[in-house]
């Protein structure tokens, strides 16, 4: 697989984690903190925003081992595989 294909896999795993993560209800409960006042706090908007925030956090958290591996001299493909493995692990933790 090319690194571009692996990145698509990583983003897909992170988006799936944004839908099933146990952090999602916490982010939805904290919507008065992060939701702008110009948006109405409907269930759909709060769920969508919380899901995007959890997905982005998953993407960043899963990328830390990949960044360290790449900094230590691993190739781009190995770093992307580590990123996909980290995102998959976070998804499995969310599903459990």
PDB file of N, CA and C in Angstrom:
ATOM      1  N   UNK A   1       0.836  -1.186   0.000  1.00  0.00           N
ATOM      2  CA  UNK A   1       0.000   0.000   0.000  1.00  0.00           C
ATOM      3  C   UNK A   1       0.876   1.243   0.000  1.00  0.00           C
ATOM      4  N   UNK A   2       0.405   2.234  -0.686  1.00  0.00           N
ATOM      5  CA  UNK A   2       1.138   3.492  -0.715  1.00  0.00           C
ATOM      6  C   UNK A   2       0.802   4.303   0.543  1.00  0.00           C
ATOM      7  N   UNK A   3       1.645   5.244   0.910  1.00  0.00           N
ATOM      8  CA  UNK A   3       1.346   6.076   2.083  1.00  0.00           C
ATOM      9  C   UNK A   3       0.039   6.857   1.944  1.00  0.00           C
ATOM     10  N   UNK A   4      -0.319   7.227   0.717  1.00  0.00           N
ATOM     11  CA  UNK A   4      -1.574   7.953   0.523  1.00  0.00           C
ATOM     12  C   UNK A   4      -2.770   7.062   0.842  1.00  0.00           C
ATOM     13  N   UNK A   5      -2.712   5.806   0.429  1.00  0.00           N
ATOM     14  CA  UNK A   5      -3.790   4.868   0.747  1.00  0.00           C
ATOM     15  C   UNK A   5      -3.858   4.596   2.242  1.00  0.00           C
ATOM     16  N   UNK A   6      -2.693   4.496   2.878  1.00  0.00           N
ATOM     17  CA  UNK A   6      -2.675   4.279   4.325  1.00  0.00           C
ATOM     18  C   UNK A   6      -3.256   5.475   5.070  1.00  0.00           C
ATOM     19  N   UNK A   7      -3.035   6.674   4.551  1.00  0.00           N
ATOM     20  CA  UNK A   7      -3.606   7.855   5.194  1.00  0.00           C
ATOM     21  C   UNK A   7      -5.127   7.841   5.113  1.00  0.00           C
ATOM     22  N   UNK A   8      -5.664   7.390   3.994  1.00  0.00           N
ATOM     23  CA  UNK A   8      -7.122   7.273   3.863  1.00  0.00           C
ATOM     24  C   UNK A   8      -7.658   6.261   4.869  1.00  0.00           C
ATOM     25  N   UNK A   9      -6.934   5.170   5.078  1.00  0.00           N
ATOM     26  CA  UNK A   9      -7.330   4.166   6.077  1.00  0.00           C
ATOM     27  C   UNK A   9      -7.298   4.776   7.473  1.00  0.00           C
ATOM     28  N   UNK A  10      -6.257   5.537   7.776  1.00  0.00           N
ATOM     29  CA  UNK A  10      -6.127   6.174   9.096  1.00  0.00           C
ATOM     30  C   UNK A  10      -7.281   7.132   9.346  1.00  0.00           C
ATOM     31  N   UNK A  11      -7.599   7.950   8.361  1.00  0.00           N
ATOM     32  CA  UNK A  11      -8.689   8.914   8.523  1.00  0.00           C
ATOM     33  C   UNK A  11     -10.020   8.186   8.702  1.00  0.00           C
ATOM     34  N   UNK A  12     -10.225   7.103   7.960  1.00  0.00           N
ATOM     35  CA  UNK A  12     -11.455   6.316   8.111  1.00  0.00           C
ATOM     36  C   UNK A  12     -11.576   5.706   9.492  1.00  0.00           C
ATOM     37  N   UNK A  13     -10.468   5.178  10.013  1.00  0.00           N
ATOM     38  CA  UNK A  13     -10.489   4.606  11.361  1.00  0.00           C
ATOM     39  C   UNK A  13     -10.773   5.685  12.402  1.00  0.00           C
ATOM     40  N   UNK A  14     -10.193   6.855  12.220  1.00  0.00           N
ATOM     41  CA  UNK A  14     -10.425   7.945  13.173  1.00  0.00           C
ATOM     42  C   UNK A  14     -11.868   8.431  13.126  1.00  0.00           C
ATOM     43  N   UNK A  15     -12.449   8.490  11.933  1.00  0.00           N
ATOM     44  CA  UNK A  15     -13.850   8.898  11.831  1.00  0.00           C
ATOM     45  C   UNK A  15     -14.769   7.874  12.483  1.00  0.00           C
ATOM     46  N   UNK A  16     -14.453   6.598  12.317  1.00  0.00           N
ATOM     47  CA  UNK A  16     -15.263   5.572  12.970  1.00  0.00           C
ATOM     48  C   UNK A  16     -15.130   5.663  14.484  1.00  0.00           C
ATOM     49  N   UNK A  17     -13.937   5.970  14.965  1.00  0.00           N
ATOM     50  CA  UNK A  17     -13.745   6.118  16.400  1.00  0.00           C
ATOM     51  C   UNK A  17     -14.506   7.326  16.934  1.00  0.00           C
ATOM     52  N   UNK A  18     -14.658   8.352  16.125  1.00  0.00           N
ATOM     53  CA  UNK A  18     -15.432   9.513  16.541  1.00  0.00           C
ATOM     54  C   UNK A  18     -16.899   9.200  16.749  1.00  0.00           C
ATOM     55  N   UNK A  19     -17.379   8.122  16.167  1.00  0.00           N
ATOM     56  CA  UNK A  19     -18.778   7.736  16.324  1.00  0.00           C
ATOM     57  C   UNK A  19     -19.020   6.785  17.480  1.00  0.00           C
ATOM     58  N   UNK A  20     -18.002   6.008  17.890  1.00  0.00           N
ATOM     59  CA  UNK A  20     -18.220   4.973  18.906  1.00  0.00           C
ATOM     60  C   UNK A  20     -17.395   5.165  20.170  1.00  0.00           C
ATOM     61  N   UNK A  21     -16.625   6.213  20.257  1.00  0.00           N
ATOM     62  CA  UNK A  21     -15.736   6.401  21.396  1.00  0.00           C
ATOM     63  C   UNK A  21     -16.511   6.671  22.685  1.00  0.00           C
ATOM     64  N   UNK A  22     -16.018   6.157  23.809  1.00  0.00           N
ATOM     65  CA  UNK A  22     -16.666   6.474  25.084  1.00  0.00           C
ATOM     66  C   UNK A  22     -16.459   7.928  25.514  1.00  0.00           C
ATOM     67  N   UNK A  23     -15.607   8.643  24.839  1.00  0.00           N
ATOM     68  CA  UNK A  23     -15.383  10.061  25.140  1.00  0.00           C
ATOM     69  C   UNK A  23     -16.483  10.920  24.521  1.00  0.00           C
ATOM     70  N   UNK A  24     -17.199  10.382  23.548  1.00  0.00           N
ATOM     71  CA  UNK A  24     -18.223  11.142  22.834  1.00  0.00           C
ATOM     72  C   UNK A  24     -19.313  11.689  23.751  1.00  0.00           C
ATOM     73  N   UNK A  25     -19.887  10.902  24.673  1.00  0.00           N
ATOM     74  CA  UNK A  25     -20.896  11.490  25.570  1.00  0.00           C
ATOM     75  C   UNK A  25     -20.343  12.605  26.461  1.00  0.00           C
ATOM     76  N   UNK A  26     -19.082  12.488  26.835  1.00  0.00           N
ATOM     77  CA  UNK A  26     -18.459  13.537  27.650  1.00  0.00           C
ATOM     78  C   UNK A  26     -18.355  14.831  26.851  1.00  0.00           C
ATOM     79  N   UNK A  27     -17.930  14.712  25.590  1.00  0.00           N
ATOM     80  CA  UNK A  27     -17.825  15.899  24.743  1.00  0.00           C
ATOM     81  C   UNK A  27     -19.200  16.497  24.453  1.00  0.00           C
ATOM     82  N   UNK A  28     -20.201  15.637  24.336  1.00  0.00           N
ATOM     83  CA  UNK A  28     -21.549  16.161  24.117  1.00  0.00           C
ATOM     84  C   UNK A  28     -22.057  16.892  25.354  1.00  0.00           C
ATOM     85  N   UNK A  29     -21.707  16.412  26.533  1.00  0.00           N
ATOM     86  CA  UNK A  29     -22.127  17.072  27.761  1.00  0.00           C
ATOM     87  C   UNK A  29     -21.421  18.409  27.942  1.00  0.00           C
ATOM     88  N   UNK A  30     -20.234  18.549  27.383  1.00  0.00           N
ATOM     89  CA  UNK A  30     -19.471  19.794  27.501  1.00  0.00           C
ATOM     90  C   UNK A  30     -19.746  20.762  26.357  1.00  0.00           C
ATOM     91  N   UNK A  31     -20.852  20.576  25.645  1.00  0.00           N
ATOM     92  CA  UNK A  31     -21.117  21.439  24.495  1.00  0.00           C
ATOM     93  C   UNK A  31     -21.264  22.924  24.839  1.00  0.00           C
ATOM     94  N   UNK A  32     -21.680  23.333  26.046  1.00  0.00           N
ATOM     95  CA  UNK A  32     -21.700  24.776  26.306  1.00  0.00           C
ATOM     96  C   UNK A  32     -20.305  25.410  26.285  1.00  0.00           C
ATOM     97  N   UNK A  33     -19.277  24.612  26.472  1.00  0.00           N
ATOM     98  CA  UNK A  33     -17.919  25.151  26.491  1.00  0.00           C
ATOM     99  C   UNK A  33     -17.404  25.380  25.075  1.00  0.00           C
ATOM    100  N   UNK A  34     -17.627  24.439  24.155  1.00  0.00           N
ATOM    101  CA  UNK A  34     -17.013  24.517  22.841  1.00  0.00           C
ATOM    102  C   UNK A  34     -17.960  24.932  21.712  1.00  0.00           C
ATOM    103  N   UNK A  35     -19.248  24.914  21.925  1.00  0.00           N
ATOM    104  CA  UNK A  35     -20.194  25.255  20.858  1.00  0.00           C
ATOM    105  C   UNK A  35     -20.395  26.764  20.805  1.00  0.00           C
ATOM    106  N   UNK A  36     -20.198  27.376  19.638  1.00  0.00           N
ATOM    107  CA  UNK A  36     -20.425  28.824  19.545  1.00  0.00           C
ATOM    108  C   UNK A  36     -21.899  29.165  19.772  1.00  0.00           C
ATOM    109  N   UNK A  37     -22.131  30.330  20.311  1.00  0.00           N
ATOM    110  CA  UNK A  37     -23.507  30.736  20.622  1.00  0.00           C
ATOM    111  C   UNK A  37     -24.335  31.023  19.382  1.00  0.00           C
ATOM    112  N   UNK A  38     -23.699  31.226  18.245  1.00  0.00           N
ATOM    113  CA  UNK A  38     -24.467  31.512  17.032  1.00  0.00           C
ATOM    114  C   UNK A  38     -25.131  30.252  16.471  1.00  0.00           C
ATOM    115  N   UNK A  39     -24.711  29.076  16.930  1.00  0.00           N
ATOM    116  CA  UNK A  39     -25.331  27.821  16.495  1.00  0.00           C
ATOM    117  C   UNK A  39     -26.342  27.352  17.536  1.00  0.00           C
ATOM    118  N   UNK A  40     -27.468  26.866  17.089  1.00  0.00           N
ATOM    119  CA  UNK A  40     -28.439  26.353  18.062  1.00  0.00           C
ATOM    120  C   UNK A  40     -27.959  25.008  18.612  1.00  0.00           C
ATOM    121  N   UNK A  41     -28.102  24.785  19.903  1.00  0.00           N
ATOM    122  CA  UNK A  41     -27.608  23.524  20.492  1.00  0.00           C
ATOM    123  C   UNK A  41     -28.582  22.362  20.278  1.00  0.00           C
ATOM    124  N   UNK A  42     -28.861  22.049  19.021  1.00  0.00           N
ATOM    125  CA  UNK A  42     -29.719  20.900  18.740  1.00  0.00           C
ATOM    126  C   UNK A  42     -28.898  19.620  18.883  1.00  0.00           C
ATOM    127  N   UNK A  43     -29.589  18.510  19.004  1.00  0.00           N
ATOM    128  CA  UNK A  43     -28.898  17.227  19.167  1.00  0.00           C
ATOM    129  C   UNK A  43     -27.988  16.916  17.988  1.00  0.00           C
ATOM    130  N   UNK A  44     -28.427  17.244  16.784  1.00  0.00           N
ATOM    131  CA  UNK A  44     -27.634  16.937  15.599  1.00  0.00           C
ATOM    132  C   UNK A  44     -26.338  17.736  15.559  1.00  0.00           C
ATOM    133  N   UNK A  45     -26.436  19.022  15.846  1.00  0.00           N
ATOM    134  CA  UNK A  45     -25.240  19.870  15.805  1.00  0.00           C
ATOM    135  C   UNK A  45     -24.267  19.487  16.907  1.00  0.00           C
ATOM    136  N   UNK A  46     -24.764  19.213  18.087  1.00  0.00           N
ATOM    137  CA  UNK A  46     -23.892  18.832  19.202  1.00  0.00           C
ATOM    138  C   UNK A  46     -23.219  17.492  18.902  1.00  0.00           C
ATOM    139  N   UNK A  47     -23.968  16.525  18.378  1.00  0.00           N
ATOM    140  CA  UNK A  47     -23.376  15.223  18.059  1.00  0.00           C
ATOM    141  C   UNK A  47     -22.332  15.345  16.964  1.00  0.00           C
ATOM    142  N   UNK A  48     -22.638  16.105  15.919  1.00  0.00           N
ATOM    143  CA  UNK A  48     -21.702  16.278  14.814  1.00  0.00           C
ATOM    144  C   UNK A  48     -20.412  16.955  15.284  1.00  0.00           C
ATOM    145  N   UNK A  49     -20.536  18.022  16.045  1.00  0.00           N
ATOM    146  CA  UNK A  49     -19.353  18.717  16.544  1.00  0.00           C
ATOM    147  C   UNK A  49     -18.527  17.867  17.489  1.00  0.00           C
ATOM    148  N   UNK A  50     -19.188  17.163  18.400  1.00  0.00           N
ATOM    149  CA  UNK A  50     -18.466  16.305  19.338  1.00  0.00           C
ATOM    150  C   UNK A  50     -17.772  15.167  18.600  1.00  0.00           C
ATOM    151  N   UNK A  51     -18.440  14.607  17.604  1.00  0.00           N
ATOM    152  CA  UNK A  51     -17.842  13.525  16.829  1.00  0.00           C
ATOM    153  C   UNK A  51     -16.615  14.004  16.066  1.00  0.00           C
ATOM    154  N   UNK A  52     -16.686  15.197  15.493  1.00  0.00           N
ATOM    155  CA  UNK A  52     -15.520  15.743  14.795  1.00  0.00           C
ATOM    156  C   UNK A  52     -14.366  16.021  15.746  1.00  0.00           C
ATOM    157  N   UNK A  53     -14.680  16.489  16.941  1.00  0.00           N
ATOM    158  CA  UNK A  53     -13.617  16.765  17.908  1.00  0.00           C
ATOM    159  C   UNK A  53     -12.945  15.475  18.369  1.00  0.00           C
ATOM    160  N   UNK A  54     -13.726  14.443  18.623  1.00  0.00           N
ATOM    161  CA  UNK A  54     -13.156  13.154  19.037  1.00  0.00           C
ATOM    162  C   UNK A  54     -12.349  12.544  17.897  1.00  0.00           C
ATOM    163  N   UNK A  55     -12.839  12.661  16.666  1.00  0.00           N
ATOM    164  CA  UNK A  55     -12.110  12.134  15.513  1.00  0.00           C
ATOM    165  C   UNK A  55     -10.774  12.839  15.331  1.00  0.00           C
ATOM    166  N   UNK A  56     -10.782  14.154  15.481  1.00  0.00           N
ATOM    167  CA  UNK A  56      -9.544  14.911  15.349  1.00  0.00           C
ATOM    168  C   UNK A  56      -8.564  14.571  16.463  1.00  0.00           C
ATOM    169  N   UNK A  57      -9.069  14.410  17.665  1.00  0.00           N
ATOM    170  CA  UNK A  57      -8.204  13.999  18.773  1.00  0.00           C
ATOM    171  C   UNK A  57      -7.612  12.622  18.556  1.00  0.00           C
ATOM    172  N   UNK A  58      -8.397  11.724  18.002  1.00  0.00           N
ATOM    173  CA  UNK A  58      -7.893  10.387  17.694  1.00  0.00           C
ATOM    174  C   UNK A  58      -6.804  10.460  16.638  1.00  0.00           C
ATOM    175  N   UNK A  59      -7.006  11.281  15.626  1.00  0.00           N
ATOM    176  CA  UNK A  59      -6.017  11.439  14.569  1.00  0.00           C
ATOM    177  C   UNK A  59      -4.702  11.960  15.132  1.00  0.00           C
ATOM    178  N   UNK A  60      -4.788  12.930  16.028  1.00  0.00           N
ATOM    179  CA  UNK A  60      -3.572  13.493  16.628  1.00  0.00           C
ATOM    180  C   UNK A  60      -2.899  12.506  17.577  1.00  0.00           C
ATOM    181  N   UNK A  61      -3.685  11.842  18.407  1.00  0.00           N
ATOM    182  CA  UNK A  61      -3.115  10.910  19.382  1.00  0.00           C
ATOM    183  C   UNK A  61      -2.490   9.698  18.702  1.00  0.00           C
ATOM    184  N   UNK A  62      -3.129   9.195  17.663  1.00  0.00           N
ATOM    185  CA  UNK A  62      -2.579   8.037  16.949  1.00  0.00           C
ATOM    186  C   UNK A  62      -1.349   8.414  16.136  1.00  0.00           C
ATOM    187  N   UNK A  63      -1.189   9.685  15.822  1.00  0.00           N
ATOM    188  CA  UNK A  63      -0.041  10.119  15.037  1.00  0.00           C
ATOM    189  C   UNK A  63       1.235  10.299  15.832  1.00  0.00           C
ATOM    190  N   UNK A  64       1.134  10.318  17.149  1.00  0.00           N
ATOM    191  CA  UNK A  64       2.345  10.507  17.964  1.00  0.00           C
ATOM    192  C   UNK A  64       3.370   9.388  17.778  1.00  0.00           C
ATOM    193  N   UNK A  65       2.984   8.102  17.875  1.00  0.00           N
ATOM    194  CA  UNK A  65       3.991   7.054  17.643  1.00  0.00           C
ATOM    195  C   UNK A  65       4.548   7.087  16.223  1.00  0.00           C
ATOM    196  N   UNK A  66       3.713   7.433  15.258  1.00  0.00           N
ATOM    197  CA  UNK A  66       4.188   7.515  13.875  1.00  0.00           C
ATOM    198  C   UNK A  66       5.223   8.621  13.721  1.00  0.00           C
ATOM    199  N   UNK A  67       4.993   9.748  14.356  1.00  0.00           N
ATOM    200  CA  UNK A  67       5.955  10.849  14.282  1.00  0.00           C
ATOM    201  C   UNK A  67       7.272  10.472  14.949  1.00  0.00           C
ATOM    202  N   UNK A  68       7.189   9.785  16.071  1.00  0.00           N
ATOM    203  CA  UNK A  68       8.420   9.346  16.741  1.00  0.00           C
ATOM    204  C   UNK A  68       9.182   8.334  15.894  1.00  0.00           C
ATOM    205  N   UNK A  69       8.464   7.398  15.295  1.00  0.00           N
ATOM    206  CA  UNK A  69       9.126   6.414  14.435  1.00  0.00           C
ATOM    207  C   UNK A  69       9.794   7.075  13.235  1.00  0.00           C
ATOM    208  N   UNK A  70       9.114   8.018  12.638  1.00  0.00           N
ATOM    209  CA  UNK A  70       9.702   8.689  11.482  1.00  0.00           C
ATOM    210  C   UNK A  70      10.916   9.516  11.897  1.00  0.00           C
ATOM    211  N   UNK A  71      10.844  10.103  13.071  1.00  0.00           N
ATOM    212  CA  UNK A  71      11.978  10.884  13.566  1.00  0.00           C
ATOM    213  C   UNK A  71      13.177   9.992  13.873  1.00  0.00           C
ATOM    214  N   UNK A  72      12.910   8.752  14.294  1.00  0.00           N
ATOM    215  CA  UNK A  72      13.987   7.818  14.617  1.00  0.00           C
ATOM    216  C   UNK A  72      14.570   7.144  13.385  1.00  0.00           C
ATOM    217  N   UNK A  73      14.048   7.441  12.211  1.00  0.00           N
ATOM    218  CA  UNK A  73      14.664   6.933  10.998  1.00  0.00           C
ATOM    219  C   UNK A  73      13.861   5.895  10.246  1.00  0.00           C
ATOM    220  N   UNK A  74      12.678   5.547  10.711  1.00  0.00           N
ATOM    221  CA  UNK A  74      11.855   4.603   9.964  1.00  0.00           C
ATOM    222  C   UNK A  74      11.347   5.289   8.694  1.00  0.00           C
ATOM    223  N   UNK A  75      11.031   4.497   7.717  1.00  0.00           N
ATOM    224  CA  UNK A  75      10.522   5.047   6.465  1.00  0.00           C
ATOM    225  C   UNK A  75       9.097   5.546   6.601  1.00  0.00           C
ATOM    226  N   UNK A  76       8.640   6.200   5.551  1.00  0.00           N
ATOM    227  CA  UNK A  76       7.303   6.770   5.565  1.00  0.00           C
ATOM    228  C   UNK A  76       6.233   5.686   5.637  1.00  0.00           C
ATOM    229  N   UNK A  77       6.450   4.590   4.928  1.00  0.00           N
ATOM    230  CA  UNK A  77       5.454   3.511   4.938  1.00  0.00           C
ATOM    231  C   UNK A  77       5.353   2.878   6.317  1.00  0.00           C
ATOM    232  N   UNK A  78       6.477   2.663   6.982  1.00  0.00           N
ATOM    233  CA  UNK A  78       6.440   2.096   8.334  1.00  0.00           C
ATOM    234  C   UNK A  78       5.774   3.046   9.311  1.00  0.00           C
ATOM    235  N   UNK A  79       6.026   4.339   9.165  1.00  0.00           N
ATOM    236  CA  UNK A  79       5.391   5.316  10.043  1.00  0.00           C
ATOM    237  C   UNK A  79       3.883   5.353   9.812  1.00  0.00           C
ATOM    238  N   UNK A  80       3.465   5.261   8.554  1.00  0.00           N
ATOM    239  CA  UNK A  80       2.031   5.263   8.261  1.00  0.00           C
ATOM    240  C   UNK A  80       1.366   3.989   8.774  1.00  0.00           C
ATOM    241  N   UNK A  81       2.071   2.867   8.718  1.00  0.00           N
ATOM    242  CA  UNK A  81       1.528   1.630   9.289  1.00  0.00           C
ATOM    243  C   UNK A  81       1.378   1.747  10.804  1.00  0.00           C
ATOM    244  N   UNK A  82       2.346   2.399  11.447  1.00  0.00           N
ATOM    245  CA  UNK A  82       2.234   2.621  12.889  1.00  0.00           C
ATOM    246  C   UNK A  82       1.071   3.551  13.203  1.00  0.00           C
ATOM    247  N   UNK A  83       0.835   4.542  12.362  1.00  0.00           N
ATOM    248  CA  UNK A  83      -0.281   5.467  12.550  1.00  0.00           C
ATOM    249  C   UNK A  83      -1.610   4.718  12.410  1.00  0.00           C
ATOM    250  N   UNK A  84      -1.689   3.840  11.408  1.00  0.00           N
ATOM    251  CA  UNK A  84      -2.905   3.047  11.218  1.00  0.00           C
ATOM    252  C   UNK A  84      -3.105   2.085  12.389  1.00  0.00           C
ATOM    253  N   UNK A  85      -2.019   1.510  12.883  1.00  0.00           N
ATOM    254  CA  UNK A  85      -2.135   0.600  14.034  1.00  0.00           C
ATOM    255  C   UNK A  85      -2.598   1.356  15.276  1.00  0.00           C
ATOM    256  N   UNK A  86      -2.079   2.556  15.486  1.00  0.00           N
ATOM    257  CA  UNK A  86      -2.512   3.351  16.630  1.00  0.00           C
ATOM    258  C   UNK A  86      -3.977   3.744  16.538  1.00  0.00           C
ATOM    259  N   UNK A  87      -4.413   4.125  15.351  1.00  0.00           N
ATOM    260  CA  UNK A  87      -5.828   4.477  15.161  1.00  0.00           C
ATOM    261  C   UNK A  87      -6.717   3.255  15.336  1.00  0.00           C
ATOM    262  N   UNK A  88      -6.253   2.105  14.837  1.00  0.00           N
ATOM    263  CA  UNK A  88      -7.019   0.869  15.016  1.00  0.00           C
ATOM    264  C   UNK A  88      -7.109   0.458  16.471  1.00  0.00           C
ATOM    265  N   UNK A  89      -6.019   0.645  17.213  1.00  0.00           N
ATOM    266  CA  UNK A  89      -6.034   0.318  18.637  1.00  0.00           C
ATOM    267  C   UNK A  89      -7.006   1.219  19.395  1.00  0.00           C
ATOM    268  N   UNK A  90      -7.006   2.503  19.085  1.00  0.00           N
ATOM    269  CA  UNK A  90      -7.956   3.413  19.732  1.00  0.00           C
ATOM    270  C   UNK A  90      -9.395   3.084  19.354  1.00  0.00           C
ATOM    271  N   UNK A  91      -9.595   2.634  18.121  1.00  0.00           N
ATOM    272  CA  UNK A  91     -10.948   2.230  17.709  1.00  0.00           C
ATOM    273  C   UNK A  91     -11.385   0.979  18.473  1.00  0.00           C
ATOM    274  N   UNK A  92     -10.468   0.024  18.622  1.00  0.00           N
ATOM    275  CA  UNK A  92     -10.812  -1.192  19.372  1.00  0.00           C
ATOM    276  C   UNK A  92     -11.098  -0.883  20.840  1.00  0.00           C
ATOM    277  N   UNK A  93     -10.358   0.051  21.413  1.00  0.00           N
ATOM    278  CA  UNK A  93     -10.628   0.453  22.794  1.00  0.00           C
ATOM    279  C   UNK A  93     -12.002   1.119  22.902  1.00  0.00           C
ATOM    280  N   UNK A  94     -12.390   1.859  21.880  1.00  0.00           N
ATOM    281  CA  UNK A  94     -13.690   2.486  21.871  1.00  0.00           C
ATOM    282  C   UNK A  94     -14.817   1.487  21.702  1.00  0.00           C
ATOM    283  N   UNK A  95     -14.555   0.441  20.947  1.00  0.00           N
ATOM    284  CA  UNK A  95     -15.578  -0.579  20.729  1.00  0.00           C
ATOM    285  C   UNK A  95     -15.761  -1.503  21.930  1.00  0.00           C
ATOM    286  N   UNK A  96     -14.721  -1.620  22.747  1.00  0.00           N
ATOM    287  CA  UNK A  96     -14.764  -2.551  23.884  1.00  0.00           C
ATOM    288  C   UNK A  96     -15.681  -2.083  24.987  1.00  0.00           C
TER     289      UNK A  96
END
